[in-house]
Amino acid sequence: MENIELLQSIRLIIKEELQPVNERLDGIDGRLDGIDSRLDGMDVRLDSIDSRLDGMDVRLDNIDSRLDGMDVRLDNIDSRLGIIEYNQNEDILVLLNTINEKVEKCATKEEVAALARLQGEQFLKPKPHKLR
C-alpha cells in the first residue's frame, strides 16, 4: 500500500511539475496556430499579387508589340519624308536655275551685283530706335 501511495505521490508531483510546461506548450501551440493562419492569409495575398503580375506581363507584351508596329510605321514615314525632301530639293534647284536664267535675261551681271550691293548696304545700315 505504501508503494501505491508513493506512486500516487510521485504522479501528483510530476503532474504539478508538468503543469507549467503543459501551459507553456498550450500557449506555444496557440501562437503557432495564429502564425499558421497568418501564413495562409499571406498565401492568398501572394496568389492575388502573382495573378495581377501575370496580367501585367500580358499587357506589357501587348504594349511591346504595339511599339514594334509603331517603329515600323515610323521607319516608313521617315523613308517617305526622305523621298519628299529629295524631291523638294530637286524642285528648288530647278526653280533656282529658272530664276537665274530669267535674271540673266533681264539684267546684266553688273546690274545684279549693284542691286545686291545696295540691298546688302540697306541690310547693314543701323535702324533708328523708336523711343517709347
C-alpha atoms as a PDB file:
ATOM      1  CA  MET A   1       0.000   0.000   0.000  1.00  0.00           C
ATOM      2  CA  GLU A   2       2.832   2.226   0.726  1.00  0.00           C
ATOM      3  CA  ASN A   3       4.048   1.631  -2.771  1.00  0.00           C
ATOM      4  CA  ILE A   4       0.724   2.683  -4.201  1.00  0.00           C
ATOM      5  CA  GLU A   5       0.680   5.820  -2.103  1.00  0.00           C
ATOM      6  CA  LEU A   6       4.252   6.506  -3.105  1.00  0.00           C
ATOM      7  CA  LEU A   7       3.350   6.087  -6.757  1.00  0.00           C
ATOM      8  CA  GLN A   8       0.336   8.368  -6.375  1.00  0.00           C
ATOM      9  CA  SER A   9       2.508  10.947  -4.644  1.00  0.00           C
ATOM     10  CA  ILE A  10       5.104  10.758  -7.407  1.00  0.00           C
ATOM     11  CA  ARG A  11       2.358  11.100 -10.014  1.00  0.00           C
ATOM     12  CA  LEU A  12       0.930  14.108  -8.235  1.00  0.00           C
ATOM     13  CA  ILE A  13       4.382  15.749  -8.005  1.00  0.00           C
ATOM     14  CA  ILE A  14       5.095  15.061 -11.679  1.00  0.00           C
ATOM     15  CA  LYS A  15       1.636  16.416 -12.620  1.00  0.00           C
ATOM     16  CA  GLU A  16       2.256  19.582 -10.616  1.00  0.00           C
ATOM     17  CA  GLU A  17       5.736  19.978 -12.110  1.00  0.00           C
ATOM     18  CA  LEU A  18       4.488  19.404 -15.662  1.00  0.00           C
ATOM     19  CA  GLN A  19       1.507  21.773 -15.298  1.00  0.00           C
ATOM     20  CA  PRO A  20       3.526  24.944 -16.175  1.00  0.00           C
ATOM     21  CA  VAL A  21       5.237  23.113 -19.027  1.00  0.00           C
ATOM     22  CA  ASN A  22       1.853  21.993 -20.384  1.00  0.00           C
ATOM     23  CA  GLU A  23       0.539  25.550 -20.080  1.00  0.00           C
ATOM     24  CA  ARG A  24       3.552  26.889 -21.961  1.00  0.00           C
ATOM     25  CA  LEU A  25       3.155  24.224 -24.627  1.00  0.00           C
ATOM     26  CA  ASP A  26      -0.532  25.161 -24.971  1.00  0.00           C
ATOM     27  CA  GLY A  27       0.491  28.818 -25.374  1.00  0.00           C
ATOM     28  CA  ILE A  28       3.100  27.917 -27.989  1.00  0.00           C
ATOM     29  CA  ASP A  29       0.551  25.766 -29.803  1.00  0.00           C
ATOM     30  CA  GLY A  30      -1.898  28.693 -29.847  1.00  0.00           C
ATOM     31  CA  ARG A  31       0.758  31.039 -31.215  1.00  0.00           C
ATOM     32  CA  LEU A  32       1.713  28.501 -33.884  1.00  0.00           C
ATOM     33  CA  ASP A  33      -1.953  28.270 -34.913  1.00  0.00           C
ATOM     34  CA  GLY A  34      -2.042  32.086 -35.209  1.00  0.00           C
ATOM     35  CA  ILE A  35       1.133  32.105 -37.287  1.00  0.00           C
ATOM     36  CA  ASP A  36      -0.250  29.329 -39.488  1.00  0.00           C
ATOM     37  CA  SER A  37      -3.456  31.268 -40.161  1.00  0.00           C
ATOM     38  CA  ARG A  38      -1.454  34.424 -40.966  1.00  0.00           C
ATOM     39  CA  LEU A  39       0.692  32.422 -43.390  1.00  0.00           C
ATOM     40  CA  ASP A  40      -2.482  31.130 -45.041  1.00  0.00           C
ATOM     41  CA  GLY A  41      -3.626  34.743 -45.450  1.00  0.00           C
ATOM     42  CA  MET A  42      -0.266  35.657 -46.938  1.00  0.00           C
ATOM     43  CA  ASP A  43      -0.564  32.773 -49.401  1.00  0.00           C
ATOM     44  CA  VAL A  44      -3.908  34.120 -50.581  1.00  0.00           C
ATOM     45  CA  ARG A  45      -2.484  37.641 -50.969  1.00  0.00           C
ATOM     46  CA  LEU A  46       0.628  36.365 -52.765  1.00  0.00           C
ATOM     47  CA  ASP A  47      -1.564  34.365 -55.156  1.00  0.00           C
ATOM     48  CA  SER A  48      -3.532  37.536 -55.861  1.00  0.00           C
ATOM     49  CA  ILE A  49      -0.335  39.524 -56.478  1.00  0.00           C
ATOM     50  CA  ASP A  50       1.002  36.747 -58.707  1.00  0.00           C
ATOM     51  CA  SER A  51      -2.130  36.748 -60.866  1.00  0.00           C
ATOM     52  CA  ARG A  52      -2.008  40.562 -61.138  1.00  0.00           C
ATOM     53  CA  LEU A  53       1.649  40.363 -62.209  1.00  0.00           C
ATOM     54  CA  ASP A  54       0.707  37.763 -64.837  1.00  0.00           C
ATOM     55  CA  GLY A  55      -1.916  40.196 -66.147  1.00  0.00           C
ATOM     56  CA  MET A  56       0.662  42.967 -66.253  1.00  0.00           C
ATOM     57  CA  ASP A  57       3.031  40.702 -68.212  1.00  0.00           C
ATOM     58  CA  VAL A  58       0.337  40.114 -70.814  1.00  0.00           C
ATOM     59  CA  ARG A  59      -0.387  43.837 -71.075  1.00  0.00           C
ATOM     60  CA  LEU A  60       3.329  44.667 -71.339  1.00  0.00           C
ATOM     61  CA  ASP A  61       3.701  42.119 -74.137  1.00  0.00           C
ATOM     62  CA  ASN A  62       0.778  43.772 -75.955  1.00  0.00           C
ATOM     63  CA  ILE A  63       2.351  47.203 -75.484  1.00  0.00           C
ATOM     64  CA  ASP A  64       5.694  45.881 -76.729  1.00  0.00           C
ATOM     65  CA  SER A  65       4.029  44.518 -79.867  1.00  0.00           C
ATOM     66  CA  ARG A  66       2.256  47.804 -80.466  1.00  0.00           C
ATOM     67  CA  LEU A  67       5.522  49.737 -80.041  1.00  0.00           C
ATOM     68  CA  ASP A  68       7.228  47.432 -82.547  1.00  0.00           C
ATOM     69  CA  GLY A  69       4.421  48.184 -85.007  1.00  0.00           C
ATOM     70  CA  MET A  70       4.849  51.899 -84.390  1.00  0.00           C
ATOM     71  CA  ASP A  71       8.596  51.593 -85.055  1.00  0.00           C
ATOM     72  CA  VAL A  72       7.870  50.039 -88.444  1.00  0.00           C
ATOM     73  CA  ARG A  73       5.358  52.755 -89.276  1.00  0.00           C
ATOM     74  CA  LEU A  74       7.800  55.496 -88.179  1.00  0.00           C
ATOM     75  CA  ASP A  75      10.513  53.963 -90.374  1.00  0.00           C
ATOM     76  CA  ASN A  76       8.084  54.057 -93.310  1.00  0.00           C
ATOM     77  CA  ILE A  77       7.224  57.692 -92.591  1.00  0.00           C
ATOM     78  CA  ASP A  78      10.935  58.552 -92.347  1.00  0.00           C
ATOM     79  CA  SER A  79      11.570  56.951 -95.732  1.00  0.00           C
ATOM     80  CA  ARG A  80       8.659  58.802 -97.287  1.00  0.00           C
ATOM     81  CA  LEU A  81       9.854  62.098 -95.794  1.00  0.00           C
ATOM     82  CA  GLY A  82      13.312  61.457 -97.222  1.00  0.00           C
ATOM     83  CA  ILE A  83      11.797  60.985-100.675  1.00  0.00           C
ATOM     84  CA  ILE A  84       9.719  64.173-100.303  1.00  0.00           C
ATOM     85  CA  GLU A  85      12.790  66.122 -99.126  1.00  0.00           C
ATOM     86  CA  TYR A  86      14.833  64.850-102.078  1.00  0.00           C
ATOM     87  CA  ASN A  87      12.061  65.817-104.499  1.00  0.00           C
ATOM     88  CA  GLN A  88      11.736  69.266-102.917  1.00  0.00           C
ATOM     89  CA  ASN A  89      15.498  69.832-103.197  1.00  0.00           C
ATOM     90  CA  GLU A  90      15.348  68.883-106.854  1.00  0.00           C
ATOM     91  CA  ASP A  91      12.384  71.234-107.359  1.00  0.00           C
ATOM     92  CA  ILE A  92      14.256  74.071-105.609  1.00  0.00           C
ATOM     93  CA  LEU A  93      17.319  73.527-107.820  1.00  0.00           C
ATOM     94  CA  VAL A  94      15.159  73.641-110.933  1.00  0.00           C
ATOM     95  CA  LEU A  95      13.419  76.793-109.636  1.00  0.00           C
ATOM     96  CA  LEU A  96      16.748  78.486-108.831  1.00  0.00           C
ATOM     97  CA  ASN A  97      18.110  77.649-112.270  1.00  0.00           C
ATOM     98  CA  THR A  98      14.951  79.063-113.857  1.00  0.00           C
ATOM     99  CA  ILE A  99      15.215  82.242-111.763  1.00  0.00           C
ATOM    100  CA  ASN A 100      18.888  82.549-112.646  1.00  0.00           C
ATOM    101  CA  GLU A 101      18.086  82.242-116.340  1.00  0.00           C
ATOM    102  CA  LYS A 102      15.309  84.856-116.035  1.00  0.00           C
ATOM    103  CA  VAL A 103      17.589  87.265-114.151  1.00  0.00           C
ATOM    104  CA  GLU A 104      20.341  86.833-116.753  1.00  0.00           C
ATOM    105  CA  LYS A 105      17.836  87.658-119.492  1.00  0.00           C
ATOM    106  CA  CYS A 106      16.558  90.746-117.673  1.00  0.00           C
ATOM    107  CA  ALA A 107      19.750  92.239-116.253  1.00  0.00           C
ATOM    108  CA  THR A 108      23.473  92.045-116.659  1.00  0.00           C
ATOM    109  CA  LYS A 109      25.707  90.583-114.000  1.00  0.00           C
ATOM    110  CA  GLU A 110      26.959  94.059-113.142  1.00  0.00           C
ATOM    111  CA  GLU A 111      23.391  95.272-112.554  1.00  0.00           C
ATOM    112  CA  VAL A 112      22.609  92.274-110.373  1.00  0.00           C
ATOM    113  CA  ALA A 113      25.847  92.832-108.399  1.00  0.00           C
ATOM    114  CA  ALA A 114      24.993  96.533-107.929  1.00  0.00           C
ATOM    115  CA  LEU A 115      21.476  95.631-106.773  1.00  0.00           C
ATOM    116  CA  ALA A 116      22.897  93.031-104.342  1.00  0.00           C
ATOM    117  CA  ARG A 117      25.372  95.625-103.040  1.00  0.00           C
ATOM    118  CA  LEU A 118      22.580  98.106-102.452  1.00  0.00           C
ATOM    119  CA  GLN A 119      20.467  95.524-100.658  1.00  0.00           C
ATOM    120  CA  GLY A 120      23.462  94.493 -98.560  1.00  0.00           C
ATOM    121  CA  GLU A 121      24.151  98.105 -97.605  1.00  0.00           C
ATOM    122  CA  GLN A 122      20.480  98.583 -96.796  1.00  0.00           C
ATOM    123  CA  PHE A 123      20.570  95.460 -94.620  1.00  0.00           C
ATOM    124  CA  LEU A 124      23.717  96.565 -92.794  1.00  0.00           C
ATOM    125  CA  LYS A 125      22.508 100.112 -92.058  1.00  0.00           C
ATOM    126  CA  PRO A 126      21.673 100.608 -88.410  1.00  0.00           C
ATOM    127  CA  LYS A 127      17.998 101.130 -87.863  1.00  0.00           C
ATOM    128  CA  PRO A 128      16.923 104.054 -85.689  1.00  0.00           C
ATOM    129  CA  HIS A 129      15.430 103.023 -82.363  1.00  0.00           C
ATOM    130  CA  LYS A 130      11.977 104.242 -81.584  1.00  0.00           C
ATOM    131  CA  LEU A 131      11.558 105.974 -78.247  1.00  0.00           C
ATOM    132  CA  ARG A 132       8.621 104.997 -76.176  1.00  0.00           C
END
